[in-house]
Amino acid sequence: MGLIIARRGWLAPFPLIVVLGALALIILAWMLPKDPSPQQVRAGFWVNLRTVFTYPPAIAALLMAAMCTAANEIITLVYGV
């Protein structure tokens, strides 16, 4: 990218990035297998919510998100005052 910027200017790499991104998207769409849709009865909201709060990876993700939010708020409160 540095060579392209040096020869053509700051805007020159963006069309190349767009083309490479579209190529990556096409390759991923071609390579990823198609999953069959599950034929299950849809459970209610509360059943799904209980499933989320009893699944350990989901609990870990929720705790991590809460801690990141709390850390951000602490910095805002300390330096905002």
C-alpha atoms as a PDB file:
ATOM      1  CA  MET A   1       0.000   0.000   0.000  1.00  0.00           C
ATOM      2  CA  GLY A   2       2.891   2.327   0.723  1.00  0.00           C
ATOM      3  CA  LEU A   3       4.202   1.958  -2.819  1.00  0.00           C
ATOM      4  CA  ILE A   4       0.767   2.630  -4.295  1.00  0.00           C
ATOM      5  CA  ILE A   5       0.337   5.702  -2.089  1.00  0.00           C
ATOM      6  CA  ALA A   6       3.808   6.948  -3.033  1.00  0.00           C
ATOM      7  CA  ARG A   7       3.128   6.614  -6.755  1.00  0.00           C
ATOM      8  CA  ARG A   8      -0.559   7.519  -7.071  1.00  0.00           C
ATOM      9  CA  GLY A   9      -1.592   9.425  -3.941  1.00  0.00           C
ATOM     10  CA  TRP A  10      -3.607   8.769  -0.782  1.00  0.00           C
ATOM     11  CA  LEU A  11      -6.827   7.649  -2.471  1.00  0.00           C
ATOM     12  CA  ALA A  12      -5.244   5.064  -4.763  1.00  0.00           C
ATOM     13  CA  PRO A  13      -5.271   2.042  -2.375  1.00  0.00           C
ATOM     14  CA  PHE A  14      -9.004   2.177  -1.638  1.00  0.00           C
ATOM     15  CA  PRO A  15     -10.223   0.639  -4.928  1.00  0.00           C
ATOM     16  CA  LEU A  16      -7.710  -2.172  -4.422  1.00  0.00           C
ATOM     17  CA  ILE A  17      -8.987  -2.723  -0.866  1.00  0.00           C
ATOM     18  CA  VAL A  18     -12.566  -2.856  -2.179  1.00  0.00           C
ATOM     19  CA  VAL A  19     -11.652  -5.399  -4.843  1.00  0.00           C
ATOM     20  CA  LEU A  20      -9.724  -7.578  -2.394  1.00  0.00           C
ATOM     21  CA  GLY A  21     -12.557  -7.400   0.145  1.00  0.00           C
ATOM     22  CA  ALA A  22     -15.150  -8.389  -2.460  1.00  0.00           C
ATOM     23  CA  LEU A  23     -12.902 -11.237  -3.596  1.00  0.00           C
ATOM     24  CA  ALA A  24     -12.536 -12.457  -0.010  1.00  0.00           C
ATOM     25  CA  LEU A  25     -16.319 -12.299   0.452  1.00  0.00           C
ATOM     26  CA  ILE A  26     -16.921 -14.316  -2.705  1.00  0.00           C
ATOM     27  CA  ILE A  27     -14.328 -16.926  -1.707  1.00  0.00           C
ATOM     28  CA  LEU A  28     -15.810 -17.249   1.787  1.00  0.00           C
ATOM     29  CA  ALA A  29     -19.338 -17.588   0.419  1.00  0.00           C
ATOM     30  CA  TRP A  30     -18.134 -20.330  -1.915  1.00  0.00           C
ATOM     31  CA  MET A  31     -16.086 -22.202   0.712  1.00  0.00           C
ATOM     32  CA  LEU A  32     -18.448 -22.167   3.689  1.00  0.00           C
ATOM     33  CA  PRO A  33     -20.810 -25.140   3.790  1.00  0.00           C
ATOM     34  CA  LYS A  34     -24.547 -24.611   3.852  1.00  0.00           C
ATOM     35  CA  ASP A  35     -26.150 -25.811   7.079  1.00  0.00           C
ATOM     36  CA  PRO A  36     -29.580 -27.381   6.938  1.00  0.00           C
ATOM     37  CA  SER A  37     -32.174 -25.403   8.822  1.00  0.00           C
ATOM     38  CA  PRO A  38     -33.341 -27.128  12.014  1.00  0.00           C
ATOM     39  CA  GLN A  39     -36.913 -28.390  12.036  1.00  0.00           C
ATOM     40  CA  GLN A  40     -37.667 -27.750  15.690  1.00  0.00           C
ATOM     41  CA  VAL A  41     -40.559 -26.107  17.426  1.00  0.00           C
ATOM     42  CA  ARG A  42     -39.640 -22.599  18.478  1.00  0.00           C
ATOM     43  CA  ALA A  43     -39.518 -22.189  22.210  1.00  0.00           C
ATOM     44  CA  GLY A  44     -40.837 -19.128  23.977  1.00  0.00           C
ATOM     45  CA  PHE A  45     -38.882 -16.078  25.096  1.00  0.00           C
ATOM     46  CA  TRP A  46     -38.450 -17.167  28.712  1.00  0.00           C
ATOM     47  CA  VAL A  47     -37.270 -20.653  27.746  1.00  0.00           C
ATOM     48  CA  ASN A  48     -34.663 -19.152  25.434  1.00  0.00           C
ATOM     49  CA  LEU A  49     -33.589 -16.651  28.074  1.00  0.00           C
ATOM     50  CA  ARG A  50     -33.150 -19.441  30.626  1.00  0.00           C
ATOM     51  CA  THR A  51     -31.112 -21.394  28.051  1.00  0.00           C
ATOM     52  CA  VAL A  52     -28.773 -18.431  27.582  1.00  0.00           C
ATOM     53  CA  PHE A  53     -28.268 -17.911  31.317  1.00  0.00           C
ATOM     54  CA  THR A  54     -27.499 -21.595  31.911  1.00  0.00           C
ATOM     55  CA  TYR A  55     -24.952 -21.901  29.068  1.00  0.00           C
ATOM     56  CA  PRO A  56     -21.436 -21.237  30.493  1.00  0.00           C
ATOM     57  CA  PRO A  57     -19.885 -19.599  27.371  1.00  0.00           C
ATOM     58  CA  ALA A  58     -22.839 -17.203  27.185  1.00  0.00           C
ATOM     59  CA  ILE A  59     -22.453 -16.331  30.854  1.00  0.00           C
ATOM     60  CA  ALA A  60     -18.728 -15.688  30.321  1.00  0.00           C
ATOM     61  CA  ALA A  61     -19.461 -13.444  27.330  1.00  0.00           C
ATOM     62  CA  LEU A  62     -22.092 -11.481  29.257  1.00  0.00           C
ATOM     63  CA  LEU A  63     -19.731 -11.019  32.206  1.00  0.00           C
ATOM     64  CA  MET A  64     -16.904  -9.905  29.938  1.00  0.00           C
ATOM     65  CA  ALA A  65     -19.160  -7.380  28.191  1.00  0.00           C
ATOM     66  CA  ALA A  66     -20.393  -6.076  31.556  1.00  0.00           C
ATOM     67  CA  MET A  67     -16.828  -5.693  32.850  1.00  0.00           C
ATOM     68  CA  CYS A  68     -15.703  -3.857  29.702  1.00  0.00           C
ATOM     69  CA  THR A  69     -18.681  -1.528  30.011  1.00  0.00           C
ATOM     70  CA  ALA A  70     -17.961  -0.923  33.692  1.00  0.00           C
ATOM     71  CA  ALA A  71     -14.289  -0.182  32.937  1.00  0.00           C
ATOM     72  CA  ASN A  72     -15.303   2.302  30.254  1.00  0.00           C
ATOM     73  CA  GLU A  73     -17.735   4.009  32.611  1.00  0.00           C
ATOM     74  CA  ILE A  74     -15.136   4.256  35.377  1.00  0.00           C
ATOM     75  CA  ILE A  75     -12.692   6.013  33.052  1.00  0.00           C
ATOM     76  CA  THR A  76     -15.451   8.351  31.882  1.00  0.00           C
ATOM     77  CA  LEU A  77     -16.449   9.178  35.448  1.00  0.00           C
ATOM     78  CA  VAL A  78     -12.903   9.731  36.685  1.00  0.00           C
ATOM     79  CA  TYR A  79     -11.639  11.862  33.812  1.00  0.00           C
ATOM     80  CA  GLY A  80     -14.983  13.434  32.968  1.00  0.00           C
ATOM     81  CA  VAL A  81     -15.162  15.208  36.296  1.00  0.00           C
END
